[in-house]
Amino acid sequence: MLARLLTFPNVVVTGHQAFFTQEALQTIAETTLRNVRDIEETGRSENEVTSRLLKGKS
């Protein structure tokens, strides 16, 4: 879809900047710290990405 959009002369693609709000940065920091804590304590994280997940298996 993106490749097709880029063929039009009236389409401009820009970076998404919504992550740069105070609330978003706070949430990113909290999630990162929670992930580190969870991995230290249990060896797992609810946000962990594994090859099994990437292959579409549960």
Foldseek 3Di string as FASTA:
>chain_A
DVVVQVVDPPDDDDDDDPCPDPVNVVVVVVQVVQQVVCCVVPVDGPPDDDVCVVVVHD
